[in-house]
Amino acid sequence: MRAPAIILKKIPIREYDELIICYTQNTGKQVYQAKSILRPTSKQAGHLDVLNLVDFSLVHKNSHPIITSAYCIDAFSQLKSSLPAMSVAYFLLECFDKLVFENEPDQKLWDFLVSQIKYYDEKAHMLTNLAHARFVSIDTMITAARQELLKILGYDPGMPIEHLANTQFKSLQFAREVLR
């Protein structure tokens, strides 16, 4: 089975394995296991990086499906070279991780996630320059992403996202403390 996905988060398990939390186009938010990805000789490690748009094959086993092969479609290298763009993108990924339920595909959510990350990648250089010049506020971009996501999820766009998730967002703390 082939599945395009955006990698949201990685959790180390055992010595060389990781759980890969991603949002897929066809099946929504999923948790997959990547075996031996932390070995120095792993060929898949670079493909299964957070924020990558990937295509991979799966084998279904007893617990989590196992990723057997992965191919990075887009690594969004411009985005990853800009701290302001990364902070906004990581906020979006954290929202998907904390607010979106597993196994519930939603084409609007997929389209929103991919388009936002592509937008941040395209505008990364501009965002870095504007953030340094203080012409644009990272808070403004985070607020816009938050409002649009809440609207797609069916919530009031003005609702405080940390109350909805019932937890603190580390990406918001990072943006507030480091990017000021």
N, C-alpha and C. Protein backbone atom coordinates (compact mmCIF):
# COMPACT_ATOMS: atom_id res chain seq x y z
N MET A 1 0.84 -1.18 0.00
CA MET A 1 0.00 0.00 0.00
C MET A 1 0.89 1.25 0.00
N ARG A 2 0.67 2.17 -0.94
CA ARG A 2 1.41 3.43 -1.01
C ARG A 2 0.56 4.50 -0.35
N ALA A 3 1.23 5.40 0.38
CA ALA A 3 0.49 6.42 1.12
C ALA A 3 1.28 7.72 1.18
N PRO A 4 0.85 8.79 0.47
CA PRO A 4 1.51 10.09 0.65
C PRO A 4 1.15 10.67 2.02
N ALA A 5 2.13 11.28 2.67
CA ALA A 5 1.91 11.79 4.03
C ALA A 5 2.86 12.93 4.34
N ILE A 6 2.47 13.73 5.33
CA ILE A 6 3.35 14.73 5.94
C ILE A 6 3.73 14.19 7.31
N ILE A 7 5.03 14.15 7.59
CA ILE A 7 5.50 13.66 8.89
C ILE A 7 5.27 14.75 9.93
N LEU A 8 4.47 14.44 10.97
CA LEU A 8 4.15 15.40 12.04
C LEU A 8 5.13 15.31 13.20
N LYS A 9 5.51 14.08 13.54
CA LYS A 9 6.28 13.88 14.78
C LYS A 9 6.94 12.51 14.73
N LYS A 10 8.07 12.38 15.42
CA LYS A 10 8.75 11.09 15.55
C LYS A 10 9.02 10.83 17.02
N ILE A 11 8.77 9.58 17.44
CA ILE A 11 8.99 9.19 18.83
C ILE A 11 9.93 7.99 18.85
N PRO A 12 11.10 8.12 19.47
CA PRO A 12 12.02 6.98 19.55
C PRO A 12 11.45 5.86 20.42
N ILE A 13 11.57 4.64 19.93
CA ILE A 13 11.21 3.45 20.71
C ILE A 13 12.32 2.43 20.50
N ARG A 14 12.57 1.67 21.48
CA ARG A 14 13.66 0.70 21.45
C ARG A 14 14.96 1.39 21.06
N GLU A 15 15.95 0.62 20.65
CA GLU A 15 17.26 1.21 20.41
C GLU A 15 17.34 1.92 19.06
N TYR A 16 16.76 1.34 18.02
CA TYR A 16 16.92 1.89 16.68
C TYR A 16 15.61 2.21 15.98
N ASP A 17 14.47 1.98 16.61
CA ASP A 17 13.18 2.16 15.97
C ASP A 17 12.53 3.48 16.38
N GLU A 18 11.60 3.92 15.55
CA GLU A 18 10.82 5.12 15.87
C GLU A 18 9.37 4.91 15.47
N LEU A 19 8.47 5.56 16.22
CA LEU A 19 7.09 5.68 15.79
C LEU A 19 7.01 6.96 14.98
N ILE A 20 6.41 6.88 13.81
CA ILE A 20 6.26 8.02 12.92
C ILE A 20 4.79 8.41 12.93
N ILE A 21 4.51 9.61 13.43
CA ILE A 21 3.14 10.11 13.44
C ILE A 21 3.02 11.03 12.23
N CYS A 22 2.05 10.74 11.37
CA CYS A 22 1.92 11.52 10.15
C CYS A 22 0.45 11.73 9.80
N TYR A 23 0.23 12.67 8.90
CA TYR A 23 -1.11 12.89 8.38
C TYR A 23 -1.09 12.48 6.93
N THR A 24 -1.90 11.47 6.59
CA THR A 24 -1.92 10.94 5.23
C THR A 24 -3.14 11.46 4.47
N GLN A 25 -3.01 11.48 3.17
CA GLN A 25 -4.10 11.97 2.34
C GLN A 25 -5.31 11.04 2.40
N ASN A 26 -5.07 9.74 2.42
CA ASN A 26 -6.17 8.78 2.31
C ASN A 26 -6.75 8.29 3.63
N THR A 27 -5.94 8.28 4.69
CA THR A 27 -6.41 7.69 5.95
C THR A 27 -6.33 8.63 7.14
N GLY A 28 -5.98 9.89 6.93
CA GLY A 28 -5.90 10.85 8.02
C GLY A 28 -4.66 10.65 8.87
N LYS A 29 -4.77 10.99 10.14
CA LYS A 29 -3.62 10.89 11.05
C LYS A 29 -3.38 9.42 11.38
N GLN A 30 -2.11 9.01 11.26
CA GLN A 30 -1.74 7.62 11.47
C GLN A 30 -0.45 7.53 12.27
N VAL A 31 -0.26 6.39 12.91
CA VAL A 31 0.99 6.09 13.61
C VAL A 31 1.58 4.83 12.97
N TYR A 32 2.80 4.97 12.47
CA TYR A 32 3.50 3.86 11.83
C TYR A 32 4.81 3.61 12.55
N GLN A 33 5.34 2.42 12.39
CA GLN A 33 6.63 2.08 12.98
C GLN A 33 7.69 2.04 11.89
N ALA A 34 8.82 2.67 12.17
CA ALA A 34 9.97 2.62 11.26
C ALA A 34 11.07 1.83 11.96
N LYS A 35 11.35 0.66 11.44
CA LYS A 35 12.36 -0.22 12.05
C LYS A 35 13.76 0.19 11.62
N SER A 36 14.68 0.17 12.57
CA SER A 36 16.11 0.43 12.34
C SER A 36 16.41 1.78 11.71
N ILE A 37 15.53 2.73 11.86
CA ILE A 37 15.72 4.05 11.24
C ILE A 37 16.83 4.85 11.91
N LEU A 38 17.12 4.54 13.17
CA LEU A 38 18.15 5.29 13.89
C LEU A 38 19.55 4.68 13.74
N ARG A 39 19.66 3.62 12.98
CA ARG A 39 20.99 3.05 12.71
C ARG A 39 21.75 4.01 11.80
N PRO A 40 23.04 4.15 12.01
CA PRO A 40 23.84 5.05 11.15
C PRO A 40 23.78 4.68 9.67
N THR A 41 23.51 3.42 9.36
CA THR A 41 23.48 2.97 7.97
C THR A 41 22.08 3.01 7.35
N SER A 42 21.09 3.54 8.06
CA SER A 42 19.72 3.56 7.57
C SER A 42 19.60 4.44 6.33
N LYS A 43 18.99 3.89 5.29
CA LYS A 43 18.77 4.65 4.06
C LYS A 43 17.47 5.44 4.11
N GLN A 44 16.58 5.09 5.02
CA GLN A 44 15.29 5.76 5.10
C GLN A 44 15.28 6.96 6.04
N ALA A 45 16.28 7.11 6.88
CA ALA A 45 16.27 8.15 7.91
C ALA A 45 16.05 9.54 7.34
N GLY A 46 16.73 9.89 6.28
CA GLY A 46 16.59 11.22 5.69
C GLY A 46 15.24 11.45 5.05
N HIS A 47 14.63 10.39 4.57
CA HIS A 47 13.32 10.50 3.94
C HIS A 47 12.21 10.71 4.97
N LEU A 48 12.36 10.11 6.13
CA LEU A 48 11.32 10.16 7.16
C LEU A 48 11.62 11.23 8.21
N ASP A 49 11.93 12.42 7.76
CA ASP A 49 12.21 13.54 8.65
C ASP A 49 10.93 14.34 8.87
N VAL A 50 10.81 14.96 10.03
CA VAL A 50 9.65 15.79 10.34
C VAL A 50 9.53 16.90 9.29
N LEU A 51 8.32 17.18 8.88
CA LEU A 51 7.96 18.20 7.88
C LEU A 51 8.16 17.75 6.44
N ASN A 52 8.57 16.51 6.21
CA ASN A 52 8.73 16.03 4.84
C ASN A 52 7.40 15.53 4.29
N LEU A 53 7.19 15.78 3.01
CA LEU A 53 6.09 15.16 2.27
C LEU A 53 6.68 13.89 1.68
N VAL A 54 6.15 12.75 2.10
CA VAL A 54 6.74 11.46 1.72
C VAL A 54 5.70 10.54 1.10
N ASP A 55 6.21 9.55 0.41
CA ASP A 55 5.40 8.47 -0.12
C ASP A 55 6.06 7.19 0.40
N PHE A 56 5.29 6.30 1.00
CA PHE A 56 5.92 5.10 1.54
C PHE A 56 5.02 3.89 1.39
N SER A 57 5.65 2.74 1.55
CA SER A 57 4.95 1.46 1.51
C SER A 57 4.85 0.91 2.92
N LEU A 58 3.76 0.20 3.17
CA LEU A 58 3.50 -0.33 4.51
C LEU A 58 3.27 -1.83 4.48
N VAL A 59 3.59 -2.46 5.60
CA VAL A 59 3.22 -3.85 5.85
C VAL A 59 2.46 -3.83 7.16
N HIS A 60 1.29 -4.45 7.18
CA HIS A 60 0.48 -4.47 8.40
C HIS A 60 0.85 -5.67 9.25
N LYS A 61 1.25 -5.40 10.48
CA LYS A 61 1.60 -6.43 11.45
C LYS A 61 0.63 -6.35 12.63
N ASN A 62 0.98 -6.98 13.73
CA ASN A 62 0.09 -7.06 14.89
C ASN A 62 -0.21 -5.69 15.51
N SER A 63 0.81 -4.88 15.73
CA SER A 63 0.57 -3.59 16.39
C SER A 63 0.46 -2.49 15.34
N HIS A 64 1.48 -1.67 15.22
CA HIS A 64 1.47 -0.57 14.25
C HIS A 64 1.94 -1.08 12.89
N PRO A 65 1.35 -0.56 11.81
CA PRO A 65 1.88 -0.90 10.49
C PRO A 65 3.35 -0.47 10.40
N ILE A 66 4.14 -1.21 9.65
CA ILE A 66 5.57 -0.96 9.54
C ILE A 66 5.88 -0.37 8.17
N ILE A 67 6.67 0.70 8.18
CA ILE A 67 7.10 1.33 6.93
C ILE A 67 8.22 0.47 6.35
N THR A 68 8.00 -0.02 5.13
CA THR A 68 9.00 -0.88 4.50
C THR A 68 9.91 -0.11 3.55
N SER A 69 9.40 0.93 2.93
CA SER A 69 10.23 1.79 2.08
C SER A 69 9.62 3.18 2.08
N ALA A 70 10.47 4.18 1.96
CA ALA A 70 10.01 5.56 1.99
C ALA A 70 10.76 6.38 0.95
N TYR A 71 10.04 7.33 0.37
CA TYR A 71 10.63 8.23 -0.61
C TYR A 71 10.15 9.65 -0.31
N CYS A 72 11.09 10.56 -0.14
CA CYS A 72 10.74 11.95 0.15
C CYS A 72 10.35 12.65 -1.15
N ILE A 73 9.12 13.12 -1.22
CA ILE A 73 8.65 13.86 -2.39
C ILE A 73 9.13 15.30 -2.32
N ASP A 74 9.03 15.89 -1.14
CA ASP A 74 9.47 17.28 -0.94
C ASP A 74 9.96 17.44 0.50
N ALA A 75 11.19 17.91 0.66
CA ALA A 75 11.77 18.11 1.99
C ALA A 75 11.58 19.53 2.50
N PHE A 76 11.04 20.42 1.66
CA PHE A 76 10.80 21.82 2.04
C PHE A 76 12.07 22.45 2.62
N SER A 77 13.13 22.40 1.86
CA SER A 77 14.45 22.86 2.34
C SER A 77 14.49 24.36 2.61
N GLN A 78 13.75 25.17 1.86
CA GLN A 78 13.73 26.61 2.13
C GLN A 78 13.10 26.89 3.49
N LEU A 79 12.00 26.20 3.76
CA LEU A 79 11.32 26.34 5.05
C LEU A 79 12.25 25.96 6.19
N LYS A 80 12.97 24.86 6.03
CA LYS A 80 13.83 24.36 7.10
C LYS A 80 15.06 25.23 7.33
N SER A 81 15.32 26.15 6.41
CA SER A 81 16.47 27.05 6.59
C SER A 81 16.05 28.39 7.19
N SER A 82 14.77 28.56 7.50
CA SER A 82 14.26 29.81 8.05
C SER A 82 13.63 29.56 9.42
N LEU A 83 14.21 30.12 10.46
CA LEU A 83 13.69 29.92 11.82
C LEU A 83 12.25 30.43 11.97
N PRO A 84 11.90 31.62 11.47
CA PRO A 84 10.50 32.06 11.58
C PRO A 84 9.53 31.14 10.85
N ALA A 85 9.88 30.70 9.65
CA ALA A 85 9.00 29.79 8.91
C ALA A 85 8.88 28.45 9.63
N MET A 86 9.99 27.96 10.18
CA MET A 86 9.97 26.70 10.93
C MET A 86 9.07 26.80 12.15
N SER A 87 9.13 27.93 12.85
CA SER A 87 8.32 28.06 14.07
C SER A 87 6.83 28.01 13.74
N VAL A 88 6.43 28.65 12.66
CA VAL A 88 5.01 28.62 12.27
C VAL A 88 4.63 27.22 11.79
N ALA A 89 5.49 26.58 11.02
CA ALA A 89 5.21 25.24 10.52
C ALA A 89 5.12 24.23 11.67
N TYR A 90 6.03 24.34 12.65
CA TYR A 90 5.98 23.42 13.79
C TYR A 90 4.73 23.65 14.63
N PHE A 91 4.26 24.88 14.71
CA PHE A 91 3.00 25.13 15.40
C PHE A 91 1.87 24.38 14.70
N LEU A 92 1.84 24.46 13.38
CA LEU A 92 0.81 23.77 12.61
C LEU A 92 0.89 22.26 12.82
N LEU A 93 2.10 21.71 12.79
CA LEU A 93 2.27 20.27 13.02
C LEU A 93 1.82 19.87 14.41
N GLU A 94 2.14 20.71 15.40
CA GLU A 94 1.73 20.41 16.78
C GLU A 94 0.21 20.46 16.91
N CYS A 95 -0.43 21.38 16.20
CA CYS A 95 -1.90 21.44 16.20
C CYS A 95 -2.49 20.15 15.64
N PHE A 96 -1.95 19.68 14.52
CA PHE A 96 -2.44 18.44 13.93
C PHE A 96 -2.21 17.27 14.88
N ASP A 97 -1.07 17.25 15.55
CA ASP A 97 -0.77 16.16 16.47
C ASP A 97 -1.73 16.16 17.66
N LYS A 98 -2.07 17.32 18.18
CA LYS A 98 -2.86 17.40 19.41
C LYS A 98 -4.37 17.51 19.18
N LEU A 99 -4.80 18.00 18.02
CA LEU A 99 -6.23 18.26 17.82
C LEU A 99 -6.92 17.30 16.86
N VAL A 100 -6.18 16.67 15.97
CA VAL A 100 -6.78 15.82 14.95
C VAL A 100 -6.78 14.38 15.45
N PHE A 101 -7.91 13.71 15.30
CA PHE A 101 -8.05 12.32 15.73
C PHE A 101 -7.46 11.37 14.68
N GLU A 102 -7.02 10.22 15.14
CA GLU A 102 -6.47 9.21 14.23
C GLU A 102 -7.58 8.57 13.42
N ASN A 103 -7.19 8.06 12.25
CA ASN A 103 -8.06 7.27 11.37
C ASN A 103 -9.30 8.01 10.88
N GLU A 104 -9.23 9.32 10.78
CA GLU A 104 -10.34 10.10 10.26
C GLU A 104 -9.85 10.96 9.10
N PRO A 105 -9.89 10.43 7.87
CA PRO A 105 -9.41 11.19 6.73
C PRO A 105 -10.30 12.40 6.45
N ASP A 106 -9.69 13.49 6.05
CA ASP A 106 -10.42 14.72 5.72
C ASP A 106 -9.63 15.44 4.63
N GLN A 107 -10.19 15.48 3.43
CA GLN A 107 -9.48 16.08 2.30
C GLN A 107 -9.21 17.57 2.54
N LYS A 108 -10.12 18.27 3.21
CA LYS A 108 -9.89 19.70 3.49
C LYS A 108 -8.69 19.88 4.42
N LEU A 109 -8.57 19.02 5.43
CA LEU A 109 -7.41 19.10 6.33
C LEU A 109 -6.12 18.80 5.58
N TRP A 110 -6.14 17.78 4.73
CA TRP A 110 -4.95 17.43 3.95
C TRP A 110 -4.55 18.60 3.05
N ASP A 111 -5.52 19.15 2.32
CA ASP A 111 -5.23 20.27 1.42
C ASP A 111 -4.70 21.47 2.19
N PHE A 112 -5.29 21.75 3.36
CA PHE A 112 -4.84 22.87 4.18
C PHE A 112 -3.40 22.65 4.65
N LEU A 113 -3.11 21.47 5.18
CA LEU A 113 -1.77 21.18 5.69
C LEU A 113 -0.71 21.31 4.59
N VAL A 114 -0.95 20.68 3.45
CA VAL A 114 0.02 20.71 2.36
C VAL A 114 0.18 22.12 1.81
N SER A 115 -0.93 22.83 1.62
CA SER A 115 -0.84 24.19 1.06
C SER A 115 -0.14 25.14 2.02
N GLN A 116 -0.38 25.02 3.31
CA GLN A 116 0.28 25.90 4.28
C GLN A 116 1.78 25.64 4.32
N ILE A 117 2.18 24.39 4.33
CA ILE A 117 3.61 24.08 4.37
C ILE A 117 4.30 24.53 3.09
N LYS A 118 3.64 24.34 1.95
CA LYS A 118 4.21 24.83 0.68
C LYS A 118 4.31 26.35 0.69
N TYR A 119 3.31 27.02 1.25
CA TYR A 119 3.34 28.48 1.34
C TYR A 119 4.51 28.94 2.21
N TYR A 120 4.68 28.31 3.37
CA TYR A 120 5.80 28.68 4.25
C TYR A 120 7.14 28.41 3.57
N ASP A 121 7.21 27.34 2.77
CA ASP A 121 8.44 27.02 2.05
C ASP A 121 8.74 28.09 0.99
N GLU A 122 7.70 28.50 0.26
CA GLU A 122 7.88 29.51 -0.79
C GLU A 122 8.26 30.87 -0.21
N LYS A 123 7.71 31.20 0.94
CA LYS A 123 7.91 32.52 1.54
C LYS A 123 9.00 32.53 2.62
N ALA A 124 9.72 31.45 2.78
CA ALA A 124 10.69 31.33 3.89
C ALA A 124 11.73 32.44 3.88
N HIS A 125 12.29 32.73 2.73
CA HIS A 125 13.33 33.78 2.66
C HIS A 125 12.73 35.14 3.03
N MET A 126 11.54 35.41 2.49
CA MET A 126 10.87 36.68 2.81
C MET A 126 10.52 36.75 4.30
N LEU A 127 10.05 35.65 4.86
CA LEU A 127 9.68 35.64 6.27
C LEU A 127 10.89 35.89 7.16
N THR A 128 12.02 35.33 6.79
CA THR A 128 13.24 35.55 7.57
C THR A 128 13.63 37.02 7.54
N ASN A 129 13.62 37.61 6.35
CA ASN A 129 13.99 39.02 6.22
C ASN A 129 12.99 39.94 6.92
N LEU A 130 11.69 39.65 6.75
CA LEU A 130 10.68 40.50 7.37
C LEU A 130 10.68 40.36 8.89
N ALA A 131 10.90 39.15 9.36
CA ALA A 131 10.93 38.95 10.81
C ALA A 131 12.10 39.71 11.43
N HIS A 132 13.23 39.71 10.73
CA HIS A 132 14.39 40.46 11.24
C HIS A 132 14.11 41.96 11.20
N ALA A 133 13.37 42.41 10.20
CA ALA A 133 13.07 43.84 10.07
C ALA A 133 11.86 44.24 10.92
N ARG A 134 11.22 43.25 11.54
CA ARG A 134 10.05 43.47 12.40
C ARG A 134 8.84 44.03 11.65
N PHE A 135 8.74 43.77 10.34
CA PHE A 135 7.58 44.22 9.58
C PHE A 135 6.41 43.25 9.70
N VAL A 136 6.72 42.03 10.01
CA VAL A 136 5.66 41.03 10.14
C VAL A 136 5.84 40.34 11.49
N SER A 137 4.75 40.03 12.08
CA SER A 137 4.79 39.36 13.38
C SER A 137 4.54 37.87 13.18
N ILE A 138 5.36 37.06 13.80
CA ILE A 138 5.15 35.62 13.77
C ILE A 138 3.81 35.29 14.41
N ASP A 139 3.43 36.07 15.43
CA ASP A 139 2.13 35.87 16.07
C ASP A 139 0.99 36.00 15.08
N THR A 140 1.11 36.95 14.14
CA THR A 140 0.07 37.15 13.13
C THR A 140 -0.07 35.91 12.25
N MET A 141 1.04 35.34 11.85
CA MET A 141 1.00 34.15 11.01
C MET A 141 0.46 32.94 11.78
N ILE A 142 0.86 32.80 13.03
CA ILE A 142 0.37 31.70 13.86
C ILE A 142 -1.13 31.85 14.08
N THR A 143 -1.58 33.07 14.33
CA THR A 143 -3.01 33.33 14.54
C THR A 143 -3.81 32.99 13.29
N ALA A 144 -3.31 33.37 12.12
CA ALA A 144 -4.01 33.07 10.87
C ALA A 144 -4.11 31.56 10.65
N ALA A 145 -3.02 30.83 10.89
CA ALA A 145 -3.04 29.37 10.73
C ALA A 145 -3.99 28.74 11.73
N ARG A 146 -3.95 29.22 12.97
CA ARG A 146 -4.82 28.68 14.02
C ARG A 146 -6.29 28.89 13.68
N GLN A 147 -6.64 30.10 13.25
CA GLN A 147 -8.03 30.40 12.93
C GLN A 147 -8.54 29.56 11.77
N GLU A 148 -7.74 29.42 10.73
CA GLU A 148 -8.16 28.62 9.58
C GLU A 148 -8.31 27.15 9.95
N LEU A 149 -7.38 26.62 10.74
CA LEU A 149 -7.47 25.22 11.16
C LEU A 149 -8.71 24.99 12.02
N LEU A 150 -8.96 25.88 12.98
CA LEU A 150 -10.14 25.73 13.83
C LEU A 150 -11.42 25.79 13.02
N LYS A 151 -11.43 26.65 12.02
CA LYS A 151 -12.61 26.76 11.14
C LYS A 151 -12.83 25.44 10.39
N ILE A 152 -11.78 24.86 9.85
CA ILE A 152 -11.89 23.59 9.13
C ILE A 152 -12.35 22.48 10.07
N LEU A 153 -11.86 22.50 11.31
CA LEU A 153 -12.24 21.47 12.29
C LEU A 153 -13.65 21.68 12.85
N GLY A 154 -14.26 22.83 12.55
CA GLY A 154 -15.62 23.09 12.99
C GLY A 154 -15.72 23.80 14.33
N TYR A 155 -14.64 24.40 14.79
CA TYR A 155 -14.63 25.14 16.04
C TYR A 155 -14.69 26.63 15.77
N ASP A 156 -15.00 27.38 16.82
CA ASP A 156 -14.97 28.84 16.75
C ASP A 156 -13.53 29.29 16.52
N PRO A 157 -13.25 30.03 15.43
CA PRO A 157 -11.88 30.47 15.16
C PRO A 157 -11.26 31.34 16.25
N GLY A 158 -12.08 31.93 17.10
CA GLY A 158 -11.57 32.76 18.18
C GLY A 158 -11.25 32.00 19.45
N MET A 159 -11.55 30.72 19.46
CA MET A 159 -11.34 29.90 20.66
C MET A 159 -9.84 29.73 20.95
N PRO A 160 -9.43 29.88 22.20
CA PRO A 160 -8.02 29.64 22.53
C PRO A 160 -7.65 28.17 22.31
N ILE A 161 -6.67 27.95 21.48
CA ILE A 161 -6.32 26.59 21.06
C ILE A 161 -5.76 25.75 22.20
N GLU A 162 -5.10 26.39 23.16
CA GLU A 162 -4.55 25.64 24.29
C GLU A 162 -5.65 25.13 25.21
N HIS A 163 -6.78 25.84 25.27
CA HIS A 163 -7.92 25.35 26.06
C HIS A 163 -8.56 24.16 25.35
N LEU A 164 -8.66 24.24 24.04
CA LEU A 164 -9.25 23.17 23.26
C LEU A 164 -8.43 21.88 23.37
N ALA A 165 -7.12 22.01 23.30
CA ALA A 165 -6.23 20.84 23.39
C ALA A 165 -5.98 20.44 24.84
N ASN A 166 -6.30 21.31 25.77
CA ASN A 166 -6.09 21.08 27.20
C ASN A 166 -4.62 20.80 27.52
N THR A 167 -3.74 21.53 26.85
CA THR A 167 -2.30 21.38 27.06
C THR A 167 -1.58 22.61 26.52
N GLN A 168 -0.35 22.78 26.95
CA GLN A 168 0.49 23.87 26.44
C GLN A 168 1.08 23.45 25.09
N PHE A 169 1.28 24.42 24.23
CA PHE A 169 1.91 24.17 22.93
C PHE A 169 3.36 24.63 23.02
N LYS A 170 4.28 23.67 22.91
CA LYS A 170 5.71 24.00 23.01
C LYS A 170 6.16 24.90 21.87
N SER A 171 5.54 24.75 20.71
CA SER A 171 5.92 25.58 19.57
C SER A 171 5.53 27.04 19.81
N LEU A 172 4.44 27.29 20.52
CA LEU A 172 4.05 28.66 20.86
C LEU A 172 5.03 29.26 21.85
N GLN A 173 5.42 28.47 22.84
CA GLN A 173 6.41 28.95 23.81
C GLN A 173 7.72 29.27 23.12
N PHE A 174 8.13 28.44 22.17
CA PHE A 174 9.35 28.69 21.41
C PHE A 174 9.24 30.00 20.64
N ALA A 175 8.12 30.18 19.95
CA ALA A 175 7.95 31.40 19.15
C ALA A 175 7.95 32.64 20.04
N ARG A 176 7.33 32.54 21.19
CA ARG A 176 7.26 33.70 22.10
C ARG A 176 8.61 34.03 22.72
N GLU A 177 9.35 33.01 23.11
CA GLU A 177 10.60 33.24 23.85
C GLU A 177 11.82 33.43 22.96
N VAL A 178 11.93 32.67 21.92
CA VAL A 178 13.15 32.70 21.11
C VAL A 178 13.08 33.71 19.98
N LEU A 179 11.92 33.85 19.37
CA LEU A 179 11.82 34.70 18.19
C LEU A 179 11.50 36.16 18.51
N ARG A 180 11.59 36.55 19.72
CA ARG A 180 11.35 37.95 20.08
C ARG A 180 12.64 38.71 20.06
